[in-house]
Protein backbone atom coordinates (compact mmCIF):
# COMPACT_ATOMS: atom_id res chain seq x y z
CA MET A 1 84.90 59.83 74.75
CA SER A 2 88.34 59.01 73.39
CA THR A 3 87.62 60.98 70.19
CA PHE A 4 86.90 64.01 72.38
CA PHE A 5 90.35 63.79 74.02
CA LYS A 6 92.04 63.23 70.68
CA GLY A 7 90.34 66.33 69.28
CA LEU A 8 91.29 68.33 72.39
CA LEU A 9 94.93 67.24 72.16
CA SER A 10 95.15 68.03 68.47
CA SER A 11 93.65 71.50 68.94
CA LEU A 12 96.00 72.13 71.91
CA GLY A 13 98.94 70.97 69.80
CA SER A 14 98.03 73.33 66.96
CA PHE A 15 97.52 76.17 69.48
CA LEU A 16 100.96 75.62 71.03
CA GLY A 17 102.53 75.08 67.63
CA LYS A 18 102.49 78.82 67.07
CA LYS A 19 105.35 80.71 68.72
CA LYS A 20 103.12 83.62 69.77
CA ASN A 21 100.74 81.30 71.60
CA ARG A 22 103.56 79.53 73.44
CA ARG A 23 104.88 82.83 74.71
CA PHE A 24 101.41 83.74 75.94
CA LEU A 25 101.15 80.39 77.71
CA TYR A 26 104.55 80.84 79.36
CA LEU A 27 103.60 84.35 80.49
CA THR A 28 100.33 83.04 81.90
CA ILE A 29 102.14 80.30 83.83
CA ILE A 30 104.61 82.83 85.27
CA CYS A 31 101.77 85.15 86.32
CA LEU A 32 99.87 82.31 87.97
CA PHE A 33 103.00 81.26 89.84
CA ALA A 34 103.59 84.87 90.99
CA LEU A 35 100.01 85.14 92.25
CA TRP A 36 100.31 81.84 94.05
CA GLU A 37 103.56 82.98 95.65
CA PHE A 38 101.98 86.29 96.69
CA PHE A 39 98.94 84.76 98.35
CA TYR A 40 100.51 81.68 99.91
CA SER A 41 104.05 82.73 100.82
CA GLY A 42 103.06 84.08 104.22
CA LEU A 43 105.19 87.20 103.81
CA VAL A 44 104.07 90.81 103.72
CA ARG A 45 106.03 93.97 102.89
CA ARG A 46 106.35 96.58 105.66
CA THR A 47 107.99 100.00 105.44
CA PHE A 48 110.24 101.43 108.13
CA LEU A 49 111.45 105.02 108.50
CA PHE A 50 114.90 105.80 109.84
CA TYR A 51 117.10 108.87 109.71
CA SER A 52 120.47 109.31 108.04
CA ASN A 53 123.46 109.75 110.38
CA VAL A 54 125.07 112.26 108.05
CA GLU A 55 122.30 114.55 106.85
CA GLY A 56 119.35 113.62 109.09
CA ASN A 57 117.17 112.87 106.05
CA ILE A 58 114.38 110.34 106.26
CA VAL A 59 115.20 107.01 104.62
CA VAL A 60 112.60 104.30 103.96
CA GLU A 61 113.50 100.64 104.39
CA ASP A 62 111.29 97.86 103.05
CA ARG A 63 111.32 94.52 104.82
CA MET A 64 109.40 91.33 104.32
CA LEU A 65 107.89 90.07 107.56
CA ARG A 66 106.08 86.83 108.22
CA ARG A 67 102.30 87.30 108.20
CA SER A 68 100.17 85.74 110.91
CA GLN A 69 96.44 85.24 111.31
CA VAL A 70 96.36 87.58 114.33
CA ARG A 71 96.59 91.34 113.83
CA GLU A 72 98.16 91.88 117.24
CA THR A 73 101.02 89.55 116.35
CA ASP A 74 101.66 91.35 113.05
CA ILE A 75 101.84 94.76 114.76
CA ARG A 76 104.05 93.41 117.54
CA ARG A 77 106.48 91.97 114.99
CA TYR A 78 106.61 95.38 113.32
CA VAL A 79 107.41 97.15 116.62
CA ASP A 80 110.09 94.54 117.42
CA GLU A 81 111.70 95.18 114.02
CA VAL A 82 111.68 98.95 114.61
CA LEU A 83 113.45 98.42 117.94
CA LEU A 84 116.12 96.30 116.22
CA GLY A 85 117.03 99.33 114.13
CA PRO A 86 117.97 99.82 110.49
CA VAL A 87 119.66 97.28 108.27
CA THR A 88 121.17 99.88 105.96
CA PRO A 89 124.56 101.26 107.06
CA ASN A 90 124.80 104.95 108.03
CA LEU A 91 121.24 105.07 109.35
CA ALA A 92 120.54 105.89 112.96
CA PRO A 93 118.26 103.65 115.00
CA LEU A 94 115.15 105.30 116.42
CA PHE A 95 115.85 104.00 119.90
CA PRO A 96 119.00 102.93 121.77
CA ARG A 97 120.00 99.29 121.46
CA GLU A 98 118.97 98.59 125.08
CA THR A 99 115.34 99.55 124.45
CA ARG A 100 112.91 96.65 124.87
CA LEU A 101 109.19 96.19 124.37
CA ILE A 102 107.88 95.56 127.89
CA SER A 103 104.23 95.03 127.05
CA PHE A 104 102.05 95.18 123.97
CA MET A 105 98.31 95.02 123.32
CA TYR A 106 95.96 95.62 120.41
CA ARG A 107 92.40 96.12 121.61
CA GLY A 108 89.50 97.79 119.86
CA SER A 109 91.61 99.23 117.00
CA VAL A 110 93.99 100.81 119.54
CA VAL A 111 97.64 99.81 119.97
CA TYR A 112 99.21 100.02 123.42
CA ALA A 113 102.99 99.63 123.49
CA ASP A 114 105.15 100.09 126.57
CA LEU A 115 108.87 100.58 125.91
CA SER A 116 111.59 100.25 128.51
CA GLU A 117 113.03 103.38 130.09
CA ALA A 118 116.10 103.03 127.88
CA ALA A 119 113.99 104.70 125.14
CA LEU A 120 114.55 107.99 126.97
CA LEU A 121 118.27 107.72 126.23
CA ALA A 122 117.56 108.52 122.57
CA GLY A 123 117.79 112.22 123.46
CA ILE A 124 121.13 111.75 125.20
CA GLU A 125 122.66 109.80 122.29
CA GLY A 126 121.96 112.59 119.81
CA GLY A 127 118.49 111.54 118.71
CA ASP A 128 115.18 113.08 119.60
CA VAL A 129 112.78 111.09 121.81
CA PHE A 130 109.70 112.86 120.44
CA ARG A 131 110.79 112.35 116.82
CA SER A 132 111.48 108.65 117.48
CA MET A 133 108.12 108.09 119.17
CA LEU A 134 106.32 110.05 116.44
CA THR A 135 108.06 108.01 113.72
CA LEU A 136 107.05 104.76 115.45
CA ASN A 137 103.47 106.01 115.80
CA GLU A 138 103.28 107.02 112.14
CA GLY A 139 104.86 103.75 111.02
CA ILE A 140 102.27 101.68 112.85
CA ARG A 141 99.43 103.75 111.40
CA ARG A 142 100.88 103.64 107.87
CA ASN A 143 101.51 99.89 107.78
CA PHE A 144 98.29 98.87 109.54
CA PRO A 145 95.38 100.98 108.24
CA TYR A 146 92.91 99.28 110.59
CA VAL A 147 94.65 100.86 113.62
CA ARG A 148 92.65 103.84 114.81
CA ASP A 149 94.92 105.04 117.64
CA VAL A 150 98.42 104.33 118.97
CA ARG A 151 99.28 104.90 122.61
CA LEU A 152 102.97 104.68 123.40
CA PHE A 153 104.35 104.38 126.91
CA ILE A 154 107.85 104.61 128.35
CA GLY A 155 108.33 102.83 131.64
CA GLY A 156 104.56 102.67 132.20
CA ASN A 157 103.91 106.38 131.57
CA GLU A 158 102.14 107.54 128.42
CA ALA A 159 104.53 109.56 126.29
CA PHE A 160 103.54 112.70 124.40
CA PHE A 161 99.81 111.98 124.59
CA LYS A 162 98.80 115.65 124.20
CA GLU A 163 101.13 116.18 121.26
CA PHE A 164 100.00 113.01 119.49
CA ARG A 165 96.33 113.86 120.03
CA GLY A 166 96.96 117.20 118.36
CA ILE A 167 98.75 115.59 115.41
CA PHE A 168 96.44 112.61 114.90
CA VAL A 169 93.07 114.27 115.42
CA ASN A 170 91.65 112.80 112.24
CA PRO A 171 92.88 109.40 110.98
CA ALA A 172 92.76 110.78 107.43
CA ASP A 173 95.46 113.32 108.39
CA ILE A 174 98.19 110.69 108.35
């Protein structure tokens, strides 16, 4: 048995003795570490859409959010982050700072999110309530492909349900 280990160590030593093989080993170790970090870090990348204050162009922000074992929790964290607004300067938030998530549910591939009535102030502050709600709807569908439908409410009343049904007739249209 000891001759087996001696032979293994000598062949490993000759393999690593070559510079090309050491580089391959280092690259393999780095790749394995990156895969381990990806699968066990508990973070997931989410994209957020906001609009520029100056030109009104769409700007995409990427954020790393903590992943949970429950889909409802992941989607709720996403909606909470949208309500916090952009991190990048010179981007307009989708909703006024006072807007809160009153209730949230994910049942049967459908998201139900009720925002406070402060969300209506987006139109007064220069934004567009429909555009903000549509951007939130699209963001949820884009980041969570298992969501079939999104129903958004403001103060307990469903917002833009006819318009959204016309836009999101087929989930493949997103």
